[in-house]
Protein backbone atom coordinates (compact mmCIF):
# COMPACT_ATOMS: atom_id res chain seq x y z
CA MET A 1 -25.11 104.12 117.81
CA SER A 2 -28.50 105.61 116.97
CA GLU A 3 -31.13 106.41 119.48
CA PRO A 4 -34.73 105.03 119.13
CA GLY A 5 -36.13 108.47 118.18
CA ASP A 6 -33.75 108.87 115.29
CA ALA A 7 -35.79 106.68 112.79
CA GLN A 8 -36.70 109.61 110.54
CA ASP A 9 -33.08 110.88 110.54
CA ILE A 10 -31.82 107.40 109.77
CA GLU A 11 -34.27 107.05 106.84
CA SER A 12 -33.19 110.47 105.46
CA LEU A 13 -29.51 109.54 105.84
CA ILE A 14 -29.88 106.11 104.16
CA LEU A 15 -31.81 107.61 101.23
CA ALA A 16 -29.29 110.43 100.83
CA MET A 17 -26.38 107.94 100.86
CA GLU A 18 -28.03 105.79 98.27
CA ARG A 19 -28.98 108.72 96.07
CA ALA A 20 -25.40 110.06 96.11
CA ALA A 21 -23.97 106.60 95.22
CA LEU A 22 -26.58 106.17 92.40
CA ASP A 23 -25.74 109.60 91.04
CA ARG A 24 -22.08 108.57 90.77
CA SER A 25 -22.77 105.08 89.33
CA ASP A 26 -25.07 106.58 86.68
CA LYS A 27 -22.02 108.30 85.41
CA GLY A 28 -19.83 105.23 85.57
CA ASP A 29 -18.20 105.81 88.98
CA ALA A 30 -18.68 102.82 91.23
CA GLU A 31 -16.69 104.32 94.12
CA GLY A 32 -19.79 105.87 95.65
CA PHE A 33 -21.13 102.41 96.44
CA LEU A 34 -17.82 100.93 97.40
CA GLU A 35 -17.24 103.78 99.92
CA ILE A 36 -20.44 102.88 101.76
CA SER A 37 -20.21 99.09 101.54
CA ASP A 38 -19.13 96.95 104.44
CA PRO A 39 -16.06 94.67 104.04
CA ASP A 40 -18.42 91.68 104.46
CA VAL A 41 -20.95 92.84 101.78
CA VAL A 42 -22.93 90.37 99.80
CA TYR A 43 -24.11 91.33 96.26
CA PHE A 44 -26.60 89.84 93.77
CA ASP A 45 -27.68 91.01 90.38
CA PRO A 46 -29.26 89.23 87.33
CA PHE A 47 -25.92 89.17 85.48
CA LEU A 48 -24.25 86.97 88.08
CA GLU A 49 -24.25 83.22 88.31
CA LYS A 50 -23.50 83.32 91.98
CA PRO A 51 -23.39 85.98 94.73
CA ILE A 52 -20.39 88.13 95.29
CA HIS A 53 -18.91 87.91 98.80
CA GLY A 54 -16.72 90.76 100.22
CA LEU A 55 -15.69 94.19 99.26
CA GLU A 56 -12.54 93.11 97.34
CA GLU A 57 -14.56 90.84 95.01
CA LEU A 58 -17.31 93.52 94.70
CA SER A 59 -14.71 96.21 93.85
CA ALA A 60 -13.32 94.09 90.97
CA TYR A 61 -16.86 93.45 89.69
CA TYR A 62 -17.91 97.12 89.85
CA ARG A 63 -14.81 98.22 88.06
CA ARG A 64 -15.68 96.01 85.14
CA ALA A 65 -19.41 96.53 85.24
CA PHE A 66 -19.46 100.32 85.64
CA SER A 67 -17.53 101.24 82.52
CA VAL A 68 -20.71 102.81 81.02
CA GLU A 69 -20.89 103.70 77.37
CA GLU A 70 -23.20 106.68 78.18
CA PRO A 71 -24.23 108.47 81.29
CA PHE A 72 -27.67 107.67 82.71
CA ALA A 73 -30.17 109.68 84.67
CA GLY A 74 -32.12 107.71 87.32
CA GLU A 75 -35.17 108.14 89.49
CA ILE A 76 -35.80 106.35 92.78
CA LEU A 77 -39.48 105.36 93.04
CA HIS A 78 -41.40 103.99 95.99
CA PRO A 79 -38.54 104.00 98.57
CA GLN A 80 -39.15 102.42 101.90
CA VAL A 81 -36.74 102.16 104.82
CA GLN A 82 -37.49 99.76 107.61
CA ILE A 83 -35.29 100.01 110.63
CA SER A 84 -34.70 97.47 113.34
CA GLY A 85 -31.94 98.13 115.81
CA ASP A 86 -28.64 98.57 113.98
CA THR A 87 -30.15 97.33 110.65
CA ALA A 88 -32.08 99.24 107.96
CA VAL A 89 -33.59 97.70 104.86
CA LEU A 90 -34.08 99.99 101.86
CA THR A 91 -36.33 98.86 99.09
CA PHE A 92 -37.20 100.84 95.97
CA ASN A 93 -37.66 100.75 92.21
CA TYR A 94 -35.01 102.53 90.10
CA VAL A 95 -35.75 103.80 86.62
CA VAL A 96 -32.68 104.77 84.54
CA LYS A 97 -32.63 106.36 81.17
CA GLY A 98 -29.62 106.63 78.87
CA GLN A 99 -28.92 110.35 78.29
CA HIS A 100 -27.91 109.69 74.59
CA SER A 101 -29.87 106.63 73.56
CA GLY A 102 -32.96 107.19 75.58
CA ARG A 103 -32.90 103.49 76.55
CA VAL A 104 -34.89 102.89 79.76
CA THR A 105 -34.16 100.10 82.31
CA ARG A 106 -36.35 99.44 85.30
CA TRP A 107 -34.99 97.81 88.43
CA ASN A 108 -36.11 96.46 91.82
CA ALA A 109 -33.48 97.10 94.52
CA THR A 110 -32.91 96.00 98.04
CA GLU A 111 -30.07 97.34 100.19
CA VAL A 112 -29.51 96.18 103.71
CA TYR A 113 -27.57 98.62 105.75
CA ARG A 114 -25.94 98.00 109.18
CA GLU A 115 -24.76 100.68 111.52
CA THR A 116 -21.09 100.14 112.27
CA HIS A 117 -18.33 102.09 114.02
CA ALA A 118 -17.77 103.66 110.61
CA GLY A 119 -21.48 104.66 110.19
CA TRP A 120 -24.18 103.02 108.14
CA ARG A 121 -22.78 100.52 105.56
CA ILE A 122 -24.30 98.26 102.96
CA VAL A 123 -24.01 94.66 103.95
CA HIS A 124 -26.34 93.18 101.32
CA THR A 125 -27.38 94.35 97.87
CA HIS A 126 -29.89 92.70 95.51
CA TRP A 127 -30.85 94.10 92.12
CA SER A 128 -33.45 92.46 89.81
CA PHE A 129 -35.28 93.57 86.70
CA LEU A 130 -38.72 95.03 87.25
CA GLN A 131 -41.20 92.91 85.37
CA PRO A 132 -38.70 91.02 83.28
CA LYS A 133 -39.81 89.37 80.08
CA LEU A 134 -39.71 85.70 80.79
CA ALA A 135 -39.27 83.08 78.11
CA PRO A 136 -42.34 80.89 77.57
CA PRO A 137 -42.03 77.42 79.13
CA GLU A 138 -40.68 74.83 76.73
CA GLN A 139 -43.24 72.30 75.49
CA PRO A 140 -42.25 68.65 75.23
CA SER A 141 -41.74 67.74 71.66
CA GLY A 142 -44.76 66.90 69.67
CA LEU A 143 -47.07 68.77 72.06
CA SER A 144 -48.66 72.11 71.36
CA PRO A 145 -49.86 74.61 73.90
CA PRO A 146 -53.47 74.04 75.08
CA ALA A 147 -56.17 75.72 72.97
CA PRO A 148 -57.98 78.57 74.53
CA THR A 149 -61.37 77.76 75.90
CA GLY A 150 -64.36 79.99 75.09
CA ALA A 151 -67.67 80.56 76.94
């Protein structure tokens, strides 16, 4: 297991692992993430009604979800790794752009890594849209939104 003075090395390793897995997934290859995920991994994203529990279930989901129509190029922004014992939490924004369509998608990501006998592995993943466009709240029938007030 890691020594206390290894924090900078752990941070570099976690970021390199994540970048390598993202590079593969941006081309439609989910294996990079599956290779660094723990058998007990828990996964959330905005397209799921409930979390995924376990590597087998995650593998099935990734194989469906990562059949991309076009390759993407992505950039990790604002990464931060927080380490506590045998756990590291990586948070970052991820901006991906379709290499043919130019479509841009912006994400928030949290990956929780745990150091195991096999090395650092993802035990929890959470993806969400960065500043999603939310639907306006529904008004009860017959009511209109309040009028703006002026000074």
